[in-house]
Amino acid sequence: MNKINQLFQEQKLIGRKLLSLYFCAGCPKLDMTGEVIRTMQDKGIDMVEVGMPFSDPLADGRVIQTAGAAALRNGMTADILFSQLKAIKDEISIPLVWMGYLNIVMHRGYEKFFQDCSDAGISGVIIPDLPFDDYLKDVKPIADRYDIRIIMMITPETSEERIRFIDNHTDGFIYMVSSASTTGAQQSFNETKLEYFNRINAMNLRNPRMIGFGISNRQTLEAAQSNAAGAIIGSKFVTLLSNSGNAETALNKLFEDLKK
C-alpha cells in the first residue's frame, strides 16, 4: 500500500492528529537532506514534504523563496536530490512528498520524473501550478502506474464544485491552504479562516485533509489539527533550520515554540 494511504488509514483508526513538515532541500547546506529527513523521522514527524528549489516560485513566501535561492546557490539540482533520497530510501518508513513546480517535472519528462520518484521512495507529489486538466490527461495515468499520489491544493476561494471534483479524482490527501496568499508564519487564524475550515468540514469529503500555510504556534497548530487530519508546517521550520544549521536543534526549537 502507498505509505500516504497507509498513514491516513492508521490515523483514522487511532484518531491521533498528524504533523507534517516541509523543508527546502539544499538549504542551509547541500548535503543535509538525509540528516534532516532521518531526524524528522526519529523525532516522530508523520510525513515530510521535500521541497525542490525553483527560481520562480508562485506559492512561496519570502522565507521559502530565500531558502530556495540559497539551495540553488549551493548547487541543488533534481539529479542531486533524487540521488540523496535514494541513498536513505531503506532507512525511511514515513511518507515522503516531493514538492516543486511543473517546469522541473516537464523538463525531466513525466515518465522519467515518476520513475525517479519511485526509485527514491517518494509516495506523493505536490505541484502547485499543475493544471487539473493536464493532471487528469497526462500526469495521473503515469503517476498511478508508479503508485504515486498527486496531492492537490484548495484555498478559501476554491469553489465547492471544484473541491468535489478534486476529491473525486485524487487519492491520498487534500492540501487545504489556510489562506489565498503565499506561505509564511502567522500568529493566529481569524474568523474568516475558521469559517472556511468549518465550511470544508461540512462537505464530508472522501479524502482526508491536511491544513498548511501560516502554522507557527500552539494556537494555529491546534486550529489546524482540530479541523483536519493534521497540520503542515513549512516556513517556521525552514527559518529555524536556516538559523541553526542543525536539524535536531531546529526541531527541538519548533516543538518548544508550538507549545506557546
Protein backbone atom coordinates (compact mmCIF):
# COMPACT_ATOMS: atom_id res chain seq x y z
CA MET A 1 0.00 0.00 0.00
CA ASN A 2 1.15 3.55 -0.70
CA LYS A 3 2.63 4.99 2.51
CA ILE A 4 0.36 8.04 2.38
CA ASN A 5 -2.78 5.91 2.26
CA GLN A 6 -1.39 3.69 5.00
CA LEU A 7 -0.65 6.69 7.23
CA PHE A 8 -4.17 8.06 6.95
CA GLN A 9 -5.74 4.65 7.47
CA GLU A 10 -3.80 4.32 10.71
CA GLN A 11 -4.64 7.90 11.70
CA LYS A 12 -8.34 7.27 11.21
CA LEU A 13 -8.22 4.14 13.37
CA ILE A 14 -6.21 5.72 16.17
CA GLY A 15 -7.59 9.24 15.93
CA ARG A 16 -4.20 10.86 16.51
CA LYS A 17 -3.65 14.16 14.72
CA LEU A 18 -0.75 14.25 12.25
CA LEU A 19 2.14 16.65 11.84
CA SER A 20 3.94 17.06 8.52
CA LEU A 21 6.95 19.30 7.97
CA TYR A 22 8.32 20.94 4.84
CA PHE A 23 11.96 21.78 4.25
CA CYS A 24 13.81 23.06 1.22
CA ALA A 25 16.37 20.52 0.03
CA GLY A 26 19.84 22.01 -0.21
CA CYS A 27 19.33 24.69 2.45
CA PRO A 28 21.20 25.60 4.53
CA LYS A 29 23.68 23.01 3.23
CA LEU A 30 23.66 20.94 0.06
CA ASP A 31 24.32 17.63 1.79
CA MET A 32 21.79 17.93 4.66
CA THR A 33 18.81 16.19 3.03
CA GLY A 34 19.38 12.79 4.58
CA GLU A 35 20.15 14.22 8.01
CA VAL A 36 17.01 16.35 8.02
CA ILE A 37 14.67 13.52 6.99
CA ARG A 38 16.21 10.98 9.37
CA THR A 39 15.97 13.44 12.26
CA MET A 40 12.34 14.24 11.46
CA GLN A 41 11.52 10.54 11.47
CA ASP A 42 13.39 9.97 14.74
CA LYS A 43 11.52 12.89 16.35
CA GLY A 44 8.10 11.49 15.44
CA ILE A 45 7.15 13.61 12.43
CA ASP A 46 4.48 11.74 10.45
CA MET A 47 5.20 12.90 6.91
CA VAL A 48 7.88 15.02 5.21
CA GLU A 49 7.49 17.40 2.29
CA VAL A 50 10.79 17.65 0.46
CA GLY A 51 10.94 20.97 -1.36
CA MET A 52 12.76 21.12 -4.68
CA PRO A 53 14.07 24.70 -5.01
CA PHE A 54 12.94 26.65 -8.05
CA SER A 55 13.98 30.04 -9.39
CA ASP A 56 10.44 31.41 -9.91
CA PRO A 57 8.08 30.03 -7.22
CA LEU A 58 4.44 31.08 -7.27
CA ALA A 59 3.06 29.91 -3.92
CA ASP A 60 6.08 30.50 -1.69
CA GLY A 61 6.53 33.47 0.60
CA ARG A 62 9.75 35.27 1.47
CA VAL A 63 11.16 32.65 3.83
CA ILE A 64 10.90 29.72 1.40
CA GLN A 65 11.92 31.89 -1.56
CA THR A 66 15.08 32.84 0.32
CA ALA A 67 15.76 29.20 1.24
CA GLY A 68 15.22 28.13 -2.37
CA ALA A 69 17.65 30.76 -3.64
CA ALA A 70 20.25 29.62 -1.10
CA ALA A 71 19.74 25.97 -2.10
CA LEU A 72 20.24 26.81 -5.77
CA ARG A 73 23.41 28.75 -4.95
CA ASN A 74 24.58 25.69 -3.01
CA GLY A 75 24.20 23.66 -6.21
CA MET A 76 21.00 21.69 -5.57
CA THR A 77 19.57 20.03 -8.69
CA ALA A 78 16.90 17.41 -9.32
CA ASP A 79 19.59 14.82 -10.02
CA ILE A 80 21.34 15.53 -6.74
CA LEU A 81 18.10 15.46 -4.76
CA PHE A 82 16.97 12.14 -6.22
CA SER A 83 20.42 10.71 -5.51
CA GLN A 84 20.26 11.89 -1.90
CA LEU A 85 16.81 10.38 -1.42
CA LYS A 86 17.82 7.05 -2.96
CA ALA A 87 20.75 6.87 -0.54
CA ILE A 88 18.42 6.90 2.50
CA LYS A 89 15.45 5.08 1.00
CA ASP A 90 15.88 1.90 3.03
CA GLU A 91 16.13 3.85 6.30
CA ILE A 92 12.91 5.83 5.92
CA SER A 93 9.49 4.40 6.77
CA ILE A 94 7.41 7.60 6.85
CA PRO A 95 5.87 9.03 3.64
CA LEU A 96 7.95 11.47 1.62
CA VAL A 97 6.18 14.02 -0.57
CA TRP A 98 8.15 15.83 -3.30
CA MET A 99 7.03 19.45 -3.65
CA GLY A 100 8.06 21.55 -6.61
CA TYR A 101 6.96 23.32 -9.75
CA LEU A 102 5.77 21.99 -13.08
CA ASN A 103 8.68 23.30 -15.15
CA ILE A 104 11.06 20.99 -13.28
CA VAL A 105 8.81 17.99 -13.93
CA MET A 106 8.26 18.78 -17.59
CA HIS A 107 11.96 19.39 -18.19
CA ARG A 108 12.68 15.93 -16.81
CA GLY A 109 9.77 14.32 -18.63
CA TYR A 110 6.78 12.79 -16.86
CA GLU A 111 7.88 9.19 -17.27
CA LYS A 112 11.43 9.74 -16.03
CA PHE A 113 10.26 12.01 -13.21
CA PHE A 114 7.85 9.46 -11.74
CA GLN A 115 10.30 6.63 -12.28
CA ASP A 116 12.87 8.64 -10.31
CA CYS A 117 10.29 9.38 -7.60
CA SER A 118 9.51 5.69 -7.28
CA ASP A 119 13.19 4.74 -7.15
CA ALA A 120 13.79 7.39 -4.46
CA GLY A 121 10.97 6.21 -2.17
CA ILE A 122 8.66 9.16 -2.77
CA SER A 123 4.99 8.44 -2.06
CA GLY A 124 3.38 11.66 -3.24
CA VAL A 125 3.97 14.78 -5.29
CA ILE A 126 2.67 18.35 -4.89
CA ILE A 127 2.90 20.55 -7.98
CA PRO A 128 1.10 23.83 -7.17
CA ASP A 129 0.99 25.08 -10.76
CA LEU A 130 -0.18 21.82 -12.37
CA PRO A 131 -3.45 22.48 -14.27
CA PHE A 132 -6.10 19.97 -13.30
CA ASP A 133 -6.92 19.08 -16.91
CA ASP A 134 -3.25 18.26 -17.54
CA TYR A 135 -3.23 16.23 -14.34
CA LEU A 136 -6.15 14.09 -15.49
CA LYS A 137 -4.96 13.66 -19.06
CA ASP A 138 -1.19 13.43 -18.88
CA VAL A 139 0.05 13.10 -15.31
CA LYS A 140 -2.35 10.89 -13.37
CA PRO A 141 -2.03 7.81 -15.63
CA ILE A 142 1.75 7.79 -15.24
CA ALA A 143 1.70 8.60 -11.53
CA ASP A 144 -0.83 5.80 -10.94
CA ARG A 145 1.42 3.35 -12.75
CA TYR A 146 4.20 4.13 -10.26
CA ASP A 147 1.78 4.18 -7.28
CA ILE A 148 2.49 7.84 -6.52
CA ARG A 149 -0.22 10.16 -5.26
CA ILE A 150 -0.69 13.63 -6.75
CA ILE A 151 -1.73 15.98 -3.96
CA MET A 152 -3.97 18.87 -4.94
CA MET A 153 -4.42 22.15 -3.09
CA ILE A 154 -7.60 24.00 -2.24
CA THR A 155 -7.97 27.56 -0.85
CA PRO A 156 -10.81 29.63 0.62
CA GLU A 157 -11.57 30.82 -2.92
CA THR A 158 -11.87 27.31 -4.42
CA SER A 159 -15.48 26.63 -5.40
CA GLU A 160 -17.43 23.73 -3.91
CA GLU A 161 -17.80 22.24 -7.38
CA ARG A 162 -14.04 22.20 -7.92
CA ILE A 163 -13.33 20.89 -4.43
CA ARG A 164 -15.66 17.96 -5.01
CA PHE A 165 -14.11 17.37 -8.43
CA ILE A 166 -10.65 17.26 -6.84
CA ASP A 167 -11.94 14.97 -4.09
CA ASN A 168 -13.41 12.56 -6.65
CA HIS A 169 -10.29 12.37 -8.82
CA THR A 170 -7.46 12.21 -6.30
CA ASP A 171 -6.35 9.69 -3.71
CA GLY A 172 -4.09 10.42 -0.77
CA PHE A 173 -4.98 13.68 0.93
CA ILE A 174 -6.09 17.20 0.03
CA TYR A 175 -3.74 20.04 0.91
CA MET A 176 -6.00 22.65 2.45
CA VAL A 177 -4.27 26.02 2.16
CA SER A 178 -5.35 28.19 5.08
CA SER A 179 -5.49 31.41 3.04
CA ALA A 180 -5.25 32.65 -0.53
CA SER A 181 -1.75 34.03 -0.01
CA THR A 182 1.81 32.81 -0.11
CA THR A 183 3.44 30.71 2.60
CA GLY A 184 4.50 32.34 5.86
CA ALA A 185 4.08 32.04 9.61
CA GLN A 186 1.02 33.59 11.27
CA GLN A 187 0.19 34.15 14.93
CA SER A 188 -3.50 33.20 14.67
CA PHE A 189 -6.30 32.29 12.28
CA ASN A 190 -9.09 34.87 12.08
CA GLU A 191 -12.82 34.21 11.96
CA THR A 192 -12.87 34.17 8.17
CA LYS A 193 -10.35 31.32 8.08
CA LEU A 194 -12.16 29.40 10.80
CA GLU A 195 -15.42 29.75 8.84
CA TYR A 196 -13.59 28.33 5.82
CA PHE A 197 -12.42 25.35 7.89
CA ASN A 198 -15.98 24.75 9.09
CA ARG A 199 -17.37 25.02 5.57
CA ILE A 200 -14.99 22.37 4.26
CA ASN A 201 -15.66 20.13 7.27
CA ALA A 202 -19.37 20.23 6.44
CA MET A 203 -18.70 18.92 2.93
CA ASN A 204 -17.77 15.45 4.29
CA LEU A 205 -15.10 14.88 1.66
CA ARG A 206 -13.85 11.41 0.82
CA ASN A 207 -10.16 12.30 1.16
CA PRO A 208 -8.52 13.32 4.42
CA ARG A 209 -7.22 16.88 4.60
CA MET A 210 -4.05 18.48 5.91
CA ILE A 211 -4.03 22.21 6.65
CA GLY A 212 -0.94 24.24 5.81
CA PHE A 213 0.34 27.82 5.36
CA GLY A 214 0.71 30.02 8.42
CA ILE A 215 1.12 27.46 11.21
CA SER A 216 3.76 28.54 13.71
CA ASN A 217 2.49 28.28 17.31
CA ARG A 218 0.09 26.37 19.57
CA GLN A 219 -2.96 28.41 18.54
CA THR A 220 -2.54 27.89 14.79
CA LEU A 221 -1.47 24.26 15.22
CA GLU A 222 -4.48 23.38 17.36
CA ALA A 223 -6.85 25.20 14.99
CA ALA A 224 -5.47 23.26 12.03
CA GLN A 225 -5.38 19.88 13.72
CA SER A 226 -8.90 20.25 15.12
CA ASN A 227 -10.27 20.95 11.64
CA ALA A 228 -8.40 18.32 9.61
CA ALA A 229 -6.41 15.11 9.89
CA GLY A 230 -3.35 17.15 10.68
CA ALA A 231 -1.19 20.18 10.04
CA ILE A 232 1.69 21.06 7.73
CA ILE A 233 4.43 23.42 8.88
CA GLY A 234 6.85 24.93 6.40
CA SER A 235 8.16 28.48 6.81
CA LYS A 236 8.54 28.24 10.59
CA PHE A 237 10.73 25.14 10.36
CA VAL A 238 12.68 26.46 7.35
CA THR A 239 13.55 29.57 9.38
CA LEU A 240 14.67 27.55 12.39
CA LEU A 241 16.74 25.19 10.24
CA SER A 242 18.38 28.07 8.37
CA ASN A 243 19.21 29.85 11.63
CA SER A 244 20.61 26.82 13.46
CA GLY A 245 22.13 24.82 10.62
CA ASN A 246 21.23 21.67 12.57
CA ALA A 247 18.08 19.56 12.11
CA GLU A 248 17.81 18.34 15.72
CA THR A 249 18.27 21.83 17.14
CA ALA A 250 15.68 23.22 14.73
CA LEU A 251 13.15 20.52 15.59
CA ASN A 252 13.62 20.92 19.32
CA LYS A 253 13.04 24.68 18.99
CA LEU A 254 9.98 24.06 16.80
CA PHE A 255 8.41 21.75 19.38
CA GLU A 256 9.15 24.34 22.07
CA ASP A 257 7.50 27.13 20.04
CA LEU A 258 4.46 25.01 19.25
CA LYS A 259 3.69 24.87 22.97
CA LYS A 260 3.50 28.67 23.27
